[in-house]
Amino acid sequence: MKRTILAGVVAGALMAFGLVQSAPSPGTTLSVRALRARLMASPQFLGASVVTVRRGARVKVIGTKGSWIRVSYRGRTGWVHRNRLTKKTIRLSSGGTGGGTSRGEAELAGRGFSPKTEASFKAKNPNFDYSQVDMIQRLEVDPASVSRFVQEGQVAGPKKKGGGR
């Protein structure tokens, strides 16, 4: 009983500080915060995508499964990982990302980087070839192709607890 109460108090504190997000309720409208997010046919990163939505698009929550949220967008439904969504309304300006932020800065911020972090890395690694990183960032691979590659190559994912896949 004491453990249950303690777990509830800790979870409540983490939610209050924004470290843990509660699952959004069906009917809630969220915004896509990533520059692009694929709505997947099933709640997994690999597989077929239904549609790609852009930053700022508003989606309606249908349900949740773990870290995945089932949403509807312009008559299509699919799953998107919760880290691609926000409760905030995102307003885009015609000049880029808004607020004086460049598109590149927004992409870096979406990955946890900032201009200061990037400058620090560049100072420590002056001979690093950034053109290769830029090229990799521009690549897009269809999730269905990745899924086929994984299946055909019999690539094993991480093992789940209890010995199963």
C-alpha atoms as a PDB file:
ATOM      1  CA  MET A   1       0.000   0.000   0.000  1.00  0.00           C
ATOM      2  CA  LYS A   2       2.794   2.420   0.930  1.00  0.00           C
ATOM      3  CA  ARG A   3       4.593   1.634  -2.354  1.00  0.00           C
ATOM      4  CA  THR A   4       1.422   2.366  -4.353  1.00  0.00           C
ATOM      5  CA  ILE A   5       0.948   5.715  -2.628  1.00  0.00           C
ATOM      6  CA  LEU A   6       4.648   6.575  -3.053  1.00  0.00           C
ATOM      7  CA  ALA A   7       4.533   5.647  -6.745  1.00  0.00           C
ATOM      8  CA  GLY A   8       1.473   7.880  -7.210  1.00  0.00           C
ATOM      9  CA  VAL A   9       3.153  10.813  -5.479  1.00  0.00           C
ATOM     10  CA  VAL A  10       6.348  10.419  -7.553  1.00  0.00           C
ATOM     11  CA  ALA A  11       4.383  10.121 -10.824  1.00  0.00           C
ATOM     12  CA  GLY A  12       2.338  13.199  -9.922  1.00  0.00           C
ATOM     13  CA  ALA A  13       5.476  15.187  -9.127  1.00  0.00           C
ATOM     14  CA  LEU A  14       7.136  14.163 -12.382  1.00  0.00           C
ATOM     15  CA  MET A  15       4.015  15.136 -14.337  1.00  0.00           C
ATOM     16  CA  ALA A  16       3.878  18.480 -12.536  1.00  0.00           C
ATOM     17  CA  PHE A  17       7.454  19.223 -13.576  1.00  0.00           C
ATOM     18  CA  GLY A  18       6.747  18.131 -17.159  1.00  0.00           C
ATOM     19  CA  LEU A  19       9.102  15.153 -17.035  1.00  0.00           C
ATOM     20  CA  VAL A  20       6.328  12.655 -17.733  1.00  0.00           C
ATOM     21  CA  GLN A  21       3.440  13.437 -20.025  1.00  0.00           C
ATOM     22  CA  SER A  22       0.017  11.983 -19.461  1.00  0.00           C
ATOM     23  CA  ALA A  23      -1.658  10.366 -22.453  1.00  0.00           C
ATOM     24  CA  PRO A  24      -3.868  12.809 -24.348  1.00  0.00           C
ATOM     25  CA  SER A  25      -7.584  12.043 -24.261  1.00  0.00           C
ATOM     26  CA  PRO A  26      -9.455  11.030 -27.424  1.00  0.00           C
ATOM     27  CA  GLY A  27     -10.822  14.136 -29.136  1.00  0.00           C
ATOM     28  CA  THR A  28      -7.878  16.302 -28.050  1.00  0.00           C
ATOM     29  CA  THR A  29      -6.270  18.343 -30.828  1.00  0.00           C
ATOM     30  CA  LEU A  30      -2.462  18.424 -30.967  1.00  0.00           C
ATOM     31  CA  SER A  31       0.099  20.109 -33.228  1.00  0.00           C
ATOM     32  CA  VAL A  32       2.933  18.431 -35.112  1.00  0.00           C
ATOM     33  CA  ARG A  33       6.139  19.918 -33.744  1.00  0.00           C
ATOM     34  CA  ALA A  34       8.635  18.078 -35.961  1.00  0.00           C
ATOM     35  CA  LEU A  35       9.391  19.523 -39.390  1.00  0.00           C
ATOM     36  CA  ARG A  36       7.815  16.365 -40.824  1.00  0.00           C
ATOM     37  CA  ALA A  37       6.080  13.453 -39.144  1.00  0.00           C
ATOM     38  CA  ARG A  38       4.864  10.270 -40.767  1.00  0.00           C
ATOM     39  CA  LEU A  39       1.551   8.841 -39.648  1.00  0.00           C
ATOM     40  CA  MET A  40       2.285   5.132 -39.537  1.00  0.00           C
ATOM     41  CA  ALA A  41      -0.122   2.300 -40.346  1.00  0.00           C
ATOM     42  CA  SER A  42       0.815   0.617 -37.053  1.00  0.00           C
ATOM     43  CA  PRO A  43       2.397   1.912 -33.811  1.00  0.00           C
ATOM     44  CA  GLN A  44       6.020   1.275 -34.771  1.00  0.00           C
ATOM     45  CA  PHE A  45       8.821   3.168 -36.496  1.00  0.00           C
ATOM     46  CA  LEU A  46       9.296   0.589 -39.243  1.00  0.00           C
ATOM     47  CA  GLY A  47       6.550  -0.214 -41.689  1.00  0.00           C
ATOM     48  CA  ALA A  48       4.128   1.508 -44.002  1.00  0.00           C
ATOM     49  CA  SER A  49       3.277   5.158 -43.539  1.00  0.00           C
ATOM     50  CA  VAL A  50      -0.195   6.511 -44.241  1.00  0.00           C
ATOM     51  CA  VAL A  51       0.670  10.149 -44.855  1.00  0.00           C
ATOM     52  CA  THR A  52       3.396  12.677 -44.020  1.00  0.00           C
ATOM     53  CA  VAL A  53       2.319  15.807 -42.151  1.00  0.00           C
ATOM     54  CA  ARG A  54       4.296  19.013 -41.741  1.00  0.00           C
ATOM     55  CA  ARG A  55       5.170  21.123 -38.723  1.00  0.00           C
ATOM     56  CA  GLY A  56       2.186  22.989 -37.353  1.00  0.00           C
ATOM     57  CA  ALA A  57      -0.457  20.586 -38.729  1.00  0.00           C
ATOM     58  CA  ARG A  58      -3.314  19.994 -36.286  1.00  0.00           C
ATOM     59  CA  VAL A  59      -4.273  16.371 -35.636  1.00  0.00           C
ATOM     60  CA  LYS A  60      -7.089  14.895 -33.556  1.00  0.00           C
ATOM     61  CA  VAL A  61      -6.354  12.140 -31.030  1.00  0.00           C
ATOM     62  CA  ILE A  62      -8.266   8.893 -31.481  1.00  0.00           C
ATOM     63  CA  GLY A  63      -6.419   6.779 -28.913  1.00  0.00           C
ATOM     64  CA  THR A  64      -3.045   5.817 -27.474  1.00  0.00           C
ATOM     65  CA  LYS A  65      -0.844   2.745 -27.129  1.00  0.00           C
ATOM     66  CA  GLY A  66       2.267   3.237 -25.027  1.00  0.00           C
ATOM     67  CA  SER A  67       4.277   6.107 -26.530  1.00  0.00           C
ATOM     68  CA  TRP A  68       2.217   6.053 -29.740  1.00  0.00           C
ATOM     69  CA  ILE A  69      -0.820   8.209 -30.422  1.00  0.00           C
ATOM     70  CA  ARG A  70      -3.448   7.285 -33.011  1.00  0.00           C
ATOM     71  CA  VAL A  71      -4.603  10.450 -34.758  1.00  0.00           C
ATOM     72  CA  SER A  72      -6.750  11.609 -37.637  1.00  0.00           C
ATOM     73  CA  TYR A  73      -5.594  14.175 -40.174  1.00  0.00           C
ATOM     74  CA  ARG A  74      -7.635  15.293 -43.177  1.00  0.00           C
ATOM     75  CA  GLY A  75      -9.661  12.088 -43.274  1.00  0.00           C
ATOM     76  CA  ARG A  76      -6.643   9.788 -42.783  1.00  0.00           C
ATOM     77  CA  THR A  77      -5.777   7.954 -39.584  1.00  0.00           C
ATOM     78  CA  GLY A  78      -2.425   6.690 -38.391  1.00  0.00           C
ATOM     79  CA  TRP A  79      -0.027   6.374 -35.490  1.00  0.00           C
ATOM     80  CA  VAL A  80       2.575   8.987 -34.579  1.00  0.00           C
ATOM     81  CA  HIS A  81       5.131   8.879 -31.766  1.00  0.00           C
ATOM     82  CA  ARG A  82       4.297  11.290 -28.958  1.00  0.00           C
ATOM     83  CA  ASN A  83       7.668  13.084 -29.266  1.00  0.00           C
ATOM     84  CA  ARG A  84       6.490  14.496 -32.619  1.00  0.00           C
ATOM     85  CA  LEU A  85       3.438  16.208 -31.078  1.00  0.00           C
ATOM     86  CA  THR A  86       2.697  19.055 -28.692  1.00  0.00           C
ATOM     87  CA  LYS A  87      -0.372  20.526 -27.016  1.00  0.00           C
ATOM     88  CA  LYS A  88       0.768  24.001 -28.089  1.00  0.00           C
ATOM     89  CA  THR A  89      -0.579  25.559 -31.274  1.00  0.00           C
ATOM     90  CA  ILE A  90       2.312  26.151 -33.656  1.00  0.00           C
ATOM     91  CA  ARG A  91       1.979  29.130 -35.947  1.00  0.00           C
ATOM     92  CA  LEU A  92       4.291  29.231 -38.925  1.00  0.00           C
ATOM     93  CA  SER A  93       5.426  32.383 -40.650  1.00  0.00           C
ATOM     94  CA  SER A  94       6.179  32.638 -44.357  1.00  0.00           C
ATOM     95  CA  GLY A  95       9.813  33.450 -43.583  1.00  0.00           C
ATOM     96  CA  GLY A  96      10.789  30.094 -42.100  1.00  0.00           C
ATOM     97  CA  THR A  97      10.184  28.805 -38.610  1.00  0.00           C
ATOM     98  CA  GLY A  98       9.211  32.100 -36.979  1.00  0.00           C
ATOM     99  CA  GLY A  99      10.685  33.848 -33.984  1.00  0.00           C
ATOM    100  CA  GLY A 100      13.977  34.580 -35.744  1.00  0.00           C
ATOM    101  CA  THR A 101      14.899  30.895 -35.887  1.00  0.00           C
ATOM    102  CA  SER A 102      16.331  29.461 -39.085  1.00  0.00           C
ATOM    103  CA  ARG A 103      15.083  26.176 -40.525  1.00  0.00           C
ATOM    104  CA  GLY A 104      18.447  24.590 -39.708  1.00  0.00           C
ATOM    105  CA  GLU A 105      18.255  25.786 -36.120  1.00  0.00           C
ATOM    106  CA  ALA A 106      14.736  24.367 -35.806  1.00  0.00           C
ATOM    107  CA  GLU A 107      15.940  20.998 -37.134  1.00  0.00           C
ATOM    108  CA  LEU A 108      18.843  20.983 -34.672  1.00  0.00           C
ATOM    109  CA  ALA A 109      16.550  21.967 -31.806  1.00  0.00           C
ATOM    110  CA  GLY A 110      14.261  19.084 -32.741  1.00  0.00           C
ATOM    111  CA  ARG A 111      17.224  16.774 -32.201  1.00  0.00           C
ATOM    112  CA  GLY A 112      18.227  18.440 -28.913  1.00  0.00           C
ATOM    113  CA  PHE A 113      20.923  20.700 -30.388  1.00  0.00           C
ATOM    114  CA  SER A 114      21.231  24.472 -30.274  1.00  0.00           C
ATOM    115  CA  PRO A 115      23.554  26.846 -32.145  1.00  0.00           C
ATOM    116  CA  LYS A 116      25.654  27.010 -28.959  1.00  0.00           C
ATOM    117  CA  THR A 117      25.903  23.186 -28.747  1.00  0.00           C
ATOM    118  CA  GLU A 118      26.832  22.930 -32.419  1.00  0.00           C
ATOM    119  CA  ALA A 119      29.463  25.698 -32.100  1.00  0.00           C
ATOM    120  CA  SER A 120      30.989  23.911 -29.105  1.00  0.00           C
ATOM    121  CA  PHE A 121      31.182  20.631 -31.055  1.00  0.00           C
ATOM    122  CA  LYS A 122      32.738  22.375 -34.065  1.00  0.00           C
ATOM    123  CA  ALA A 123      35.349  24.035 -31.822  1.00  0.00           C
ATOM    124  CA  LYS A 124      36.332  20.650 -30.384  1.00  0.00           C
ATOM    125  CA  ASN A 125      36.288  18.927 -33.816  1.00  0.00           C
ATOM    126  CA  PRO A 126      37.636  21.444 -36.369  1.00  0.00           C
ATOM    127  CA  ASN A 127      38.495  18.794 -38.987  1.00  0.00           C
ATOM    128  CA  PHE A 128      35.089  17.118 -39.007  1.00  0.00           C
ATOM    129  CA  ASP A 129      33.496  17.011 -42.497  1.00  0.00           C
ATOM    130  CA  TYR A 130      30.035  18.531 -41.924  1.00  0.00           C
ATOM    131  CA  SER A 131      29.047  18.184 -45.581  1.00  0.00           C
ATOM    132  CA  GLN A 132      28.543  14.464 -44.987  1.00  0.00           C
ATOM    133  CA  VAL A 133      26.247  15.153 -42.015  1.00  0.00           C
ATOM    134  CA  ASP A 134      24.252  17.613 -44.123  1.00  0.00           C
ATOM    135  CA  MET A 135      23.892  15.004 -46.875  1.00  0.00           C
ATOM    136  CA  ILE A 136      22.679  12.361 -44.412  1.00  0.00           C
ATOM    137  CA  GLN A 137      20.139  14.781 -42.921  1.00  0.00           C
ATOM    138  CA  ARG A 138      18.645  15.370 -46.382  1.00  0.00           C
ATOM    139  CA  LEU A 139      18.109  11.649 -47.007  1.00  0.00           C
ATOM    140  CA  GLU A 140      14.622  10.244 -46.707  1.00  0.00           C
ATOM    141  CA  VAL A 141      13.968   6.529 -46.696  1.00  0.00           C
ATOM    142  CA  ASP A 142      10.481   5.125 -47.098  1.00  0.00           C
ATOM    143  CA  PRO A 143       9.583   3.209 -43.902  1.00  0.00           C
ATOM    144  CA  ALA A 144       8.110   0.371 -45.991  1.00  0.00           C
ATOM    145  CA  SER A 145      11.529  -0.085 -47.664  1.00  0.00           C
ATOM    146  CA  VAL A 146      13.221  -0.223 -44.276  1.00  0.00           C
ATOM    147  CA  SER A 147      10.662  -2.762 -43.086  1.00  0.00           C
ATOM    148  CA  ARG A 148      11.304  -4.967 -46.139  1.00  0.00           C
ATOM    149  CA  PHE A 149      15.061  -4.687 -45.545  1.00  0.00           C
ATOM    150  CA  VAL A 150      14.628  -5.755 -41.906  1.00  0.00           C
ATOM    151  CA  GLN A 151      12.419  -8.710 -42.853  1.00  0.00           C
ATOM    152  CA  GLU A 152      14.512  -9.901 -45.808  1.00  0.00           C
ATOM    153  CA  GLY A 153      17.757  -9.524 -43.874  1.00  0.00           C
ATOM    154  CA  GLN A 154      16.235 -11.166 -40.799  1.00  0.00           C
ATOM    155  CA  VAL A 155      17.505  -8.304 -38.688  1.00  0.00           C
ATOM    156  CA  ALA A 156      16.674  -8.935 -35.035  1.00  0.00           C
ATOM    157  CA  GLY A 157      15.447  -6.080 -32.909  1.00  0.00           C
ATOM    158  CA  PRO A 158      16.182  -5.673 -29.215  1.00  0.00           C
ATOM    159  CA  LYS A 159      15.050  -8.596 -27.089  1.00  0.00           C
ATOM    160  CA  LYS A 160      12.202  -7.944 -24.706  1.00  0.00           C
ATOM    161  CA  LYS A 161      12.360  -8.895 -21.063  1.00  0.00           C
ATOM    162  CA  GLY A 162      11.515 -12.510 -20.517  1.00  0.00           C
ATOM    163  CA  GLY A 163      13.529 -13.724 -23.516  1.00  0.00           C
ATOM    164  CA  GLY A 164      10.947 -12.991 -26.260  1.00  0.00           C
ATOM    165  CA  ARG A 165      11.247 -10.536 -29.152  1.00  0.00           C
END
